[in-house]
Amino acid sequence: MKTHARTLRQSKAHSPEKTVMTTAPAPATDPAIDERVQRRQLENSVSLTGPESLRCRWYRLRLTIAEMNYATRRLAELQTRLP
């Protein structure tokens, strides 16, 4: 099933105040890329001081390491259960 993005198109026959809603196919993009773009836009919209930025980066690094440790531990558990 295709997703569609709504776009506004002004009709030349009508006044500029009136707009017509059309449905156009949305470009196929990777959700991970969309998430990274949204995160980058959010990071650019907020200005942090030096210590706040360092604390944020440290927190994200700790989360990443925790996720990697969990994935490694889970993979080891699954491999030991296999015959």
N, C-alpha and C. Protein backbone atom coordinates (compact mmCIF):
# COMPACT_ATOMS: atom_id res chain seq x y z
N MET A 1 0.84 -1.17 0.00
CA MET A 1 0.00 0.00 0.00
C MET A 1 0.89 1.24 0.00
N LYS A 2 0.65 2.16 -0.89
CA LYS A 2 1.45 3.36 -1.00
C LYS A 2 0.94 4.42 -0.04
N THR A 3 1.85 5.20 0.51
CA THR A 3 1.46 6.33 1.33
C THR A 3 1.42 7.56 0.46
N HIS A 4 0.56 8.46 0.82
CA HIS A 4 0.40 9.68 0.04
C HIS A 4 0.59 10.89 0.94
N ALA A 5 1.29 11.88 0.44
CA ALA A 5 1.47 13.13 1.16
C ALA A 5 0.50 14.15 0.59
N ARG A 6 -0.10 14.91 1.46
CA ARG A 6 -1.03 15.95 1.00
C ARG A 6 -0.25 17.20 0.65
N THR A 7 -0.57 17.78 -0.50
CA THR A 7 0.07 19.02 -0.91
C THR A 7 -1.01 20.03 -1.28
N LEU A 8 -0.68 21.30 -1.12
CA LEU A 8 -1.61 22.36 -1.49
C LEU A 8 -1.27 22.86 -2.89
N ARG A 9 -2.29 23.04 -3.69
CA ARG A 9 -2.10 23.57 -5.03
C ARG A 9 -3.15 24.65 -5.25
N GLN A 10 -2.71 25.81 -5.65
CA GLN A 10 -3.65 26.89 -5.89
C GLN A 10 -4.20 26.79 -7.30
N SER A 11 -5.49 26.97 -7.40
CA SER A 11 -6.14 26.94 -8.70
C SER A 11 -6.00 28.31 -9.34
N LYS A 12 -5.68 28.35 -10.63
CA LYS A 12 -5.51 29.63 -11.32
C LYS A 12 -6.85 30.31 -11.55
N ALA A 13 -7.93 29.54 -11.62
CA ALA A 13 -9.25 30.11 -11.89
C ALA A 13 -9.83 30.77 -10.64
N HIS A 14 -9.35 30.39 -9.47
CA HIS A 14 -9.90 30.93 -8.23
C HIS A 14 -8.99 32.02 -7.68
N SER A 15 -9.50 32.71 -6.70
CA SER A 15 -8.70 33.74 -6.06
C SER A 15 -7.58 33.08 -5.24
N PRO A 16 -6.54 33.82 -4.88
CA PRO A 16 -5.41 33.24 -4.14
C PRO A 16 -5.81 32.68 -2.77
N GLU A 17 -6.94 33.14 -2.21
CA GLU A 17 -7.34 32.66 -0.89
C GLU A 17 -7.80 31.21 -0.93
N LYS A 18 -8.33 30.78 -2.08
CA LYS A 18 -8.85 29.43 -2.19
C LYS A 18 -7.75 28.49 -2.64
N THR A 19 -7.62 27.38 -1.96
CA THR A 19 -6.63 26.39 -2.33
C THR A 19 -7.29 25.04 -2.51
N VAL A 20 -6.66 24.20 -3.28
CA VAL A 20 -7.20 22.88 -3.57
C VAL A 20 -6.24 21.85 -2.97
N MET A 21 -6.77 20.88 -2.21
CA MET A 21 -5.94 19.82 -1.65
C MET A 21 -5.81 18.71 -2.69
N THR A 22 -4.60 18.29 -2.95
CA THR A 22 -4.36 17.17 -3.86
C THR A 22 -3.58 16.10 -3.11
N THR A 23 -3.66 14.91 -3.60
CA THR A 23 -2.93 13.80 -3.00
C THR A 23 -1.84 13.37 -3.96
N ALA A 24 -0.60 13.46 -3.49
CA ALA A 24 0.54 13.06 -4.32
C ALA A 24 1.29 11.95 -3.61
N PRO A 25 1.88 11.02 -4.35
CA PRO A 25 2.64 9.95 -3.69
C PRO A 25 3.82 10.52 -2.92
N ALA A 26 4.00 10.02 -1.70
CA ALA A 26 5.13 10.45 -0.88
C ALA A 26 6.39 9.75 -1.35
N PRO A 27 7.52 10.44 -1.29
CA PRO A 27 8.77 9.79 -1.69
C PRO A 27 9.10 8.66 -0.72
N ALA A 28 9.60 7.57 -1.25
CA ALA A 28 9.97 6.42 -0.42
C ALA A 28 11.30 6.71 0.24
N THR A 29 11.27 6.84 1.57
CA THR A 29 12.50 7.09 2.31
C THR A 29 12.62 6.09 3.44
N ASP A 30 13.82 5.97 3.93
CA ASP A 30 14.12 5.07 5.02
C ASP A 30 13.69 5.73 6.33
N PRO A 31 12.93 5.04 7.20
CA PRO A 31 12.52 5.65 8.47
C PRO A 31 13.70 6.04 9.35
N ALA A 32 14.78 5.30 9.29
CA ALA A 32 15.96 5.64 10.10
C ALA A 32 16.55 6.97 9.65
N ILE A 33 16.54 7.23 8.35
CA ILE A 33 17.05 8.50 7.85
C ILE A 33 16.15 9.64 8.29
N ASP A 34 14.84 9.42 8.23
CA ASP A 34 13.90 10.45 8.68
C ASP A 34 14.13 10.78 10.16
N GLU A 35 14.35 9.75 10.95
CA GLU A 35 14.58 9.95 12.38
C GLU A 35 15.85 10.76 12.62
N ARG A 36 16.91 10.43 11.87
CA ARG A 36 18.17 11.17 12.03
C ARG A 36 18.01 12.63 11.61
N VAL A 37 17.25 12.87 10.55
CA VAL A 37 17.04 14.24 10.09
C VAL A 37 16.25 15.02 11.14
N GLN A 38 15.21 14.40 11.70
CA GLN A 38 14.43 15.08 12.73
C GLN A 38 15.28 15.37 13.95
N ARG A 39 16.12 14.42 14.35
CA ARG A 39 17.00 14.62 15.51
C ARG A 39 17.97 15.76 15.24
N ARG A 40 18.54 15.79 14.02
CA ARG A 40 19.49 16.85 13.68
C ARG A 40 18.80 18.21 13.70
N GLN A 41 17.57 18.28 13.18
CA GLN A 41 16.84 19.54 13.19
C GLN A 41 16.54 19.98 14.62
N LEU A 42 16.19 19.04 15.48
CA LEU A 42 15.92 19.37 16.88
C LEU A 42 17.18 19.85 17.56
N GLU A 43 18.31 19.19 17.31
CA GLU A 43 19.56 19.60 17.92
C GLU A 43 19.97 21.00 17.45
N ASN A 44 19.68 21.32 16.21
CA ASN A 44 20.04 22.64 15.70
C ASN A 44 19.11 23.72 16.23
N SER A 45 17.87 23.36 16.60
CA SER A 45 16.92 24.36 17.07
C SER A 45 17.16 24.74 18.53
N VAL A 46 17.91 23.95 19.27
CA VAL A 46 18.18 24.21 20.68
C VAL A 46 19.66 24.50 20.85
N SER A 47 19.98 25.59 21.51
CA SER A 47 21.40 25.88 21.75
C SER A 47 21.73 25.50 23.19
N LEU A 48 22.79 24.74 23.35
CA LEU A 48 23.22 24.28 24.66
C LEU A 48 24.55 24.94 25.02
N THR A 49 24.76 25.10 26.32
CA THR A 49 26.06 25.60 26.76
C THR A 49 27.07 24.46 26.66
N GLY A 50 28.33 24.76 26.85
CA GLY A 50 29.38 23.75 26.75
C GLY A 50 29.17 22.56 27.68
N PRO A 51 28.96 22.80 28.99
CA PRO A 51 28.74 21.67 29.90
C PRO A 51 27.46 20.88 29.59
N GLU A 52 26.41 21.57 29.17
CA GLU A 52 25.17 20.88 28.82
C GLU A 52 25.37 19.99 27.61
N SER A 53 26.09 20.50 26.62
CA SER A 53 26.37 19.73 25.41
C SER A 53 27.20 18.49 25.75
N LEU A 54 28.21 18.67 26.59
CA LEU A 54 29.04 17.55 27.00
C LEU A 54 28.23 16.51 27.75
N ARG A 55 27.36 16.97 28.66
CA ARG A 55 26.52 16.05 29.42
C ARG A 55 25.58 15.27 28.49
N CYS A 56 25.02 15.95 27.50
CA CYS A 56 24.12 15.31 26.54
C CYS A 56 24.87 14.25 25.73
N ARG A 57 26.04 14.60 25.26
CA ARG A 57 26.83 13.63 24.48
C ARG A 57 27.24 12.43 25.32
N TRP A 58 27.62 12.69 26.59
CA TRP A 58 27.99 11.60 27.49
C TRP A 58 26.80 10.68 27.72
N TYR A 59 25.62 11.25 27.92
CA TYR A 59 24.40 10.47 28.13
C TYR A 59 24.10 9.60 26.90
N ARG A 60 24.20 10.20 25.71
CA ARG A 60 23.93 9.43 24.48
C ARG A 60 24.95 8.32 24.28
N LEU A 61 26.23 8.59 24.64
CA LEU A 61 27.26 7.55 24.55
C LEU A 61 26.95 6.40 25.50
N ARG A 62 26.55 6.73 26.73
CA ARG A 62 26.21 5.69 27.70
C ARG A 62 25.02 4.86 27.22
N LEU A 63 24.01 5.52 26.64
CA LEU A 63 22.86 4.78 26.11
C LEU A 63 23.27 3.84 24.98
N THR A 64 24.13 4.33 24.10
CA THR A 64 24.59 3.51 22.98
C THR A 64 25.36 2.28 23.48
N ILE A 65 26.23 2.50 24.45
CA ILE A 65 27.01 1.38 25.00
C ILE A 65 26.08 0.39 25.69
N ALA A 66 25.09 0.89 26.43
CA ALA A 66 24.15 0.00 27.10
C ALA A 66 23.37 -0.84 26.09
N GLU A 67 22.96 -0.22 24.98
CA GLU A 67 22.24 -0.96 23.93
C GLU A 67 23.13 -2.02 23.31
N MET A 68 24.40 -1.68 23.08
CA MET A 68 25.33 -2.65 22.49
C MET A 68 25.57 -3.81 23.46
N ASN A 69 25.73 -3.51 24.75
CA ASN A 69 25.91 -4.57 25.74
C ASN A 69 24.69 -5.49 25.80
N TYR A 70 23.51 -4.89 25.75
CA TYR A 70 22.29 -5.68 25.79
C TYR A 70 22.21 -6.59 24.56
N ALA A 71 22.50 -6.04 23.39
CA ALA A 71 22.44 -6.83 22.16
C ALA A 71 23.44 -7.98 22.19
N THR A 72 24.64 -7.71 22.68
CA THR A 72 25.66 -8.76 22.76
C THR A 72 25.23 -9.86 23.73
N ARG A 73 24.72 -9.44 24.89
CA ARG A 73 24.27 -10.40 25.90
C ARG A 73 23.11 -11.25 25.36
N ARG A 74 22.18 -10.60 24.70
CA ARG A 74 21.02 -11.30 24.15
C ARG A 74 21.44 -12.29 23.06
N LEU A 75 22.35 -11.88 22.21
CA LEU A 75 22.85 -12.75 21.15
C LEU A 75 23.54 -13.97 21.74
N ALA A 76 24.33 -13.76 22.78
CA ALA A 76 25.02 -14.89 23.43
C ALA A 76 24.00 -15.85 24.05
N GLU A 77 22.95 -15.30 24.65
CA GLU A 77 21.90 -16.15 25.24
C GLU A 77 21.21 -16.99 24.15
N LEU A 78 20.91 -16.36 23.03
CA LEU A 78 20.24 -17.09 21.95
C LEU A 78 21.13 -18.15 21.35
N GLN A 79 22.42 -17.87 21.22
CA GLN A 79 23.34 -18.84 20.63
C GLN A 79 23.56 -20.04 21.55
N THR A 80 23.55 -19.82 22.86
CA THR A 80 23.76 -20.95 23.78
C THR A 80 22.54 -21.84 23.85
N ARG A 81 21.37 -21.33 23.52
CA ARG A 81 20.15 -22.14 23.55
C ARG A 81 19.97 -23.00 22.30
N LEU A 82 20.70 -22.68 21.24
CA LEU A 82 20.56 -23.45 20.02
C LEU A 82 21.21 -24.82 20.18
N PRO A 83 20.61 -25.84 19.54
CA PRO A 83 21.19 -27.19 19.66
C PRO A 83 22.50 -27.35 18.92
